[in-house]
C-alpha atoms as a PDB file:
ATOM      1  CA  MET A   1      88.049  87.931  82.779  1.00  0.00           C
ATOM      2  CA  ALA A   2      89.176  90.654  85.112  1.00  0.00           C
ATOM      3  CA  LEU A   3      88.244  90.684  88.773  1.00  0.00           C
ATOM      4  CA  SER A   4      85.879  93.378  89.942  1.00  0.00           C
ATOM      5  CA  PRO A   5      87.436  95.968  92.247  1.00  0.00           C
ATOM      6  CA  LYS A   6      85.316  94.765  95.195  1.00  0.00           C
ATOM      7  CA  LYS A   7      86.406  91.127  94.795  1.00  0.00           C
ATOM      8  CA  LYS A   8      89.992  92.192  94.343  1.00  0.00           C
ATOM      9  CA  ALA A   9      89.871  94.348  97.491  1.00  0.00           C
ATOM     10  CA  THR A  10      88.461  91.504  99.601  1.00  0.00           C
ATOM     11  CA  ILE A  11      91.127  89.094  98.367  1.00  0.00           C
ATOM     12  CA  ILE A  12      93.874  91.626  99.073  1.00  0.00           C
ATOM     13  CA  LYS A  13      92.461  92.370 102.516  1.00  0.00           C
ATOM     14  CA  SER A  14      92.321  88.681 103.458  1.00  0.00           C
ATOM     15  CA  SER A  15      95.936  87.932 102.561  1.00  0.00           C
ATOM     16  CA  ALA A  16      97.827  91.223 102.958  1.00  0.00           C
ATOM     17  CA  ARG A  17     100.737  91.509 105.368  1.00  0.00           C
ATOM     18  CA  HIS A  18      99.880  95.126 106.208  1.00  0.00           C
ATOM     19  CA  ASP A  19      97.309  97.765 105.208  1.00  0.00           C
ATOM     20  CA  LYS A  20      98.856  98.923 101.941  1.00  0.00           C
ATOM     21  CA  ASP A  21     100.214  95.545 100.835  1.00  0.00           C
ATOM     22  CA  THR A  22      99.326  94.689  97.232  1.00  0.00           C
ATOM     23  CA  GLY A  23     102.549  93.164  95.941  1.00  0.00           C
ATOM     24  CA  SER A  24     103.568  90.456  98.383  1.00  0.00           C
ATOM     25  CA  PRO A  25     103.726  86.935  96.959  1.00  0.00           C
ATOM     26  CA  GLU A  26     100.810  85.824  99.139  1.00  0.00           C
ATOM     27  CA  VAL A  27      98.515  88.506  97.729  1.00  0.00           C
ATOM     28  CA  GLN A  28      99.626  87.870  94.172  1.00  0.00           C
ATOM     29  CA  VAL A  29      99.142  84.104  94.454  1.00  0.00           C
ATOM     30  CA  ASN A  30      95.648  84.567  95.887  1.00  0.00           C
ATOM     31  CA  LEU A  31      94.652  86.975  93.108  1.00  0.00           C
ATOM     32  CA  ILE A  32      96.034  84.660  90.438  1.00  0.00           C
ATOM     33  CA  SER A  33      94.287  81.670  92.045  1.00  0.00           C
ATOM     34  CA  LYS A  34      90.944  83.471  91.898  1.00  0.00           C
ATOM     35  CA  ARG A  35      91.484  84.282  88.226  1.00  0.00           C
ATOM     36  CA  ILE A  36      92.423  80.645  87.575  1.00  0.00           C
ATOM     37  CA  ASP A  37      89.200  79.493  89.244  1.00  0.00           C
ATOM     38  CA  ASP A  38      87.138  81.904  87.145  1.00  0.00           C
ATOM     39  CA  LEU A  39      88.823  80.832  83.919  1.00  0.00           C
ATOM     40  CA  SER A  40      88.387  77.162  84.787  1.00  0.00           C
ATOM     41  CA  LYS A  41      84.650  77.679  85.224  1.00  0.00           C
ATOM     42  CA  HIS A  42      84.522  79.556  81.923  1.00  0.00           C
ATOM     43  CA  LEU A  43      86.357  76.758  80.118  1.00  0.00           C
ATOM     44  CA  LYS A  44      83.980  74.113  81.449  1.00  0.00           C
ATOM     45  CA  LYS A  45      81.155  75.906  79.624  1.00  0.00           C
ATOM     46  CA  ASN A  46      83.201  76.916  76.569  1.00  0.00           C
ATOM     47  CA  ARG A  47      85.373  73.946  75.735  1.00  0.00           C
ATOM     48  CA  LYS A  48      86.562  75.277  72.369  1.00  0.00           C
ATOM     49  CA  ASP A  49      87.859  78.609  73.675  1.00  0.00           C
ATOM     50  CA  LYS A  50      91.539  78.051  72.931  1.00  0.00           C
ATOM     51  CA  HIS A  51      92.582  81.633  73.653  1.00  0.00           C
ATOM     52  CA  SER A  52      91.287  81.483  77.217  1.00  0.00           C
ATOM     53  CA  ARG A  53      92.944  78.093  77.682  1.00  0.00           C
ATOM     54  CA  ARG A  54      96.273  79.629  76.689  1.00  0.00           C
ATOM     55  CA  GLY A  55      95.715  82.449  79.181  1.00  0.00           C
ATOM     56  CA  LEU A  56      94.918  79.904  81.875  1.00  0.00           C
ATOM     57  CA  LEU A  57      98.184  78.071  81.249  1.00  0.00           C
ATOM     58  CA  GLY A  58     100.055  81.358  81.525  1.00  0.00           C
ATOM     59  CA  LEU A  59      98.376  82.132  84.852  1.00  0.00           C
ATOM     60  CA  VAL A  60      99.227  78.684  86.199  1.00  0.00           C
ATOM     61  CA  ALA A  61     102.880  79.207  85.234  1.00  0.00           C
ATOM     62  CA  GLU A  62     102.892  82.656  86.835  1.00  0.00           C
ATOM     63  CA  ARG A  63     101.406  81.285  90.071  1.00  0.00           C
ATOM     64  CA  ARG A  64     103.987  78.497  90.120  1.00  0.00           C
ATOM     65  CA  THR A  65     106.777  81.064  89.762  1.00  0.00           C
ATOM     66  CA  HIS A  66     105.456  83.085  92.710  1.00  0.00           C
ATOM     67  CA  LEU A  67     105.109  79.939  94.817  1.00  0.00           C
ATOM     68  CA  GLU A  68     108.675  78.857  94.044  1.00  0.00           C
ATOM     69  CA  TYR A  69     109.938  82.288  95.071  1.00  0.00           C
ATOM     70  CA  LEU A  70     107.972  82.156  98.313  1.00  0.00           C
ATOM     71  CA  LYS A  71     109.206  78.639  99.043  1.00  0.00           C
ATOM     72  CA  LYS A  72     112.784  79.833  98.671  1.00  0.00           C
ATOM     73  CA  LYS A  73     112.297  82.938 100.833  1.00  0.00           C
ATOM     74  CA  ASN A  74     109.881  81.667 103.508  1.00  0.00           C
ATOM     75  CA  PRO A  75     109.001  77.940 103.546  1.00  0.00           C
ATOM     76  CA  VAL A  76     106.582  78.332 106.472  1.00  0.00           C
ATOM     77  CA  LYS A  77     104.425  80.910 104.678  1.00  0.00           C
ATOM     78  CA  HIS A  78     104.615  78.760 101.542  1.00  0.00           C
ATOM     79  CA  ALA A  79     103.149  75.769 103.375  1.00  0.00           C
ATOM     80  CA  GLU A  80     100.399  77.906 104.932  1.00  0.00           C
ATOM     81  CA  LEU A  81      99.512  79.410 101.566  1.00  0.00           C
ATOM     82  CA  LEU A  82      99.288  76.001  99.890  1.00  0.00           C
ATOM     83  CA  LYS A  83      96.870  74.811 102.566  1.00  0.00           C
ATOM     84  CA  LYS A  84      94.779  77.939 102.071  1.00  0.00           C
ATOM     85  CA  ILE A  85      94.711  77.537  98.279  1.00  0.00           C
ATOM     86  CA  LYS A  86      93.594  73.908  98.411  1.00  0.00           C
ATOM     87  CA  GLU A  87      90.577  74.753 100.569  1.00  0.00           C
END
């Protein structure tokens, strides 16, 4: 369930630190969060799709890793990002 280039560009634009930023933890967490949301919706309709469930668990672990890194490097941005994700 890949993101379309338009959706990806809007997510990057909303959370980028500068114009060409695609790799900062904030951008990565927002992209992963969108993919998690999409997969969660898919799994509500397709309960027996075990392969997608495994992918979802991997994405959740990846997002957690990025959040731990951000918390270590910049706790203020980490708190702001968590508030933004929960909205």
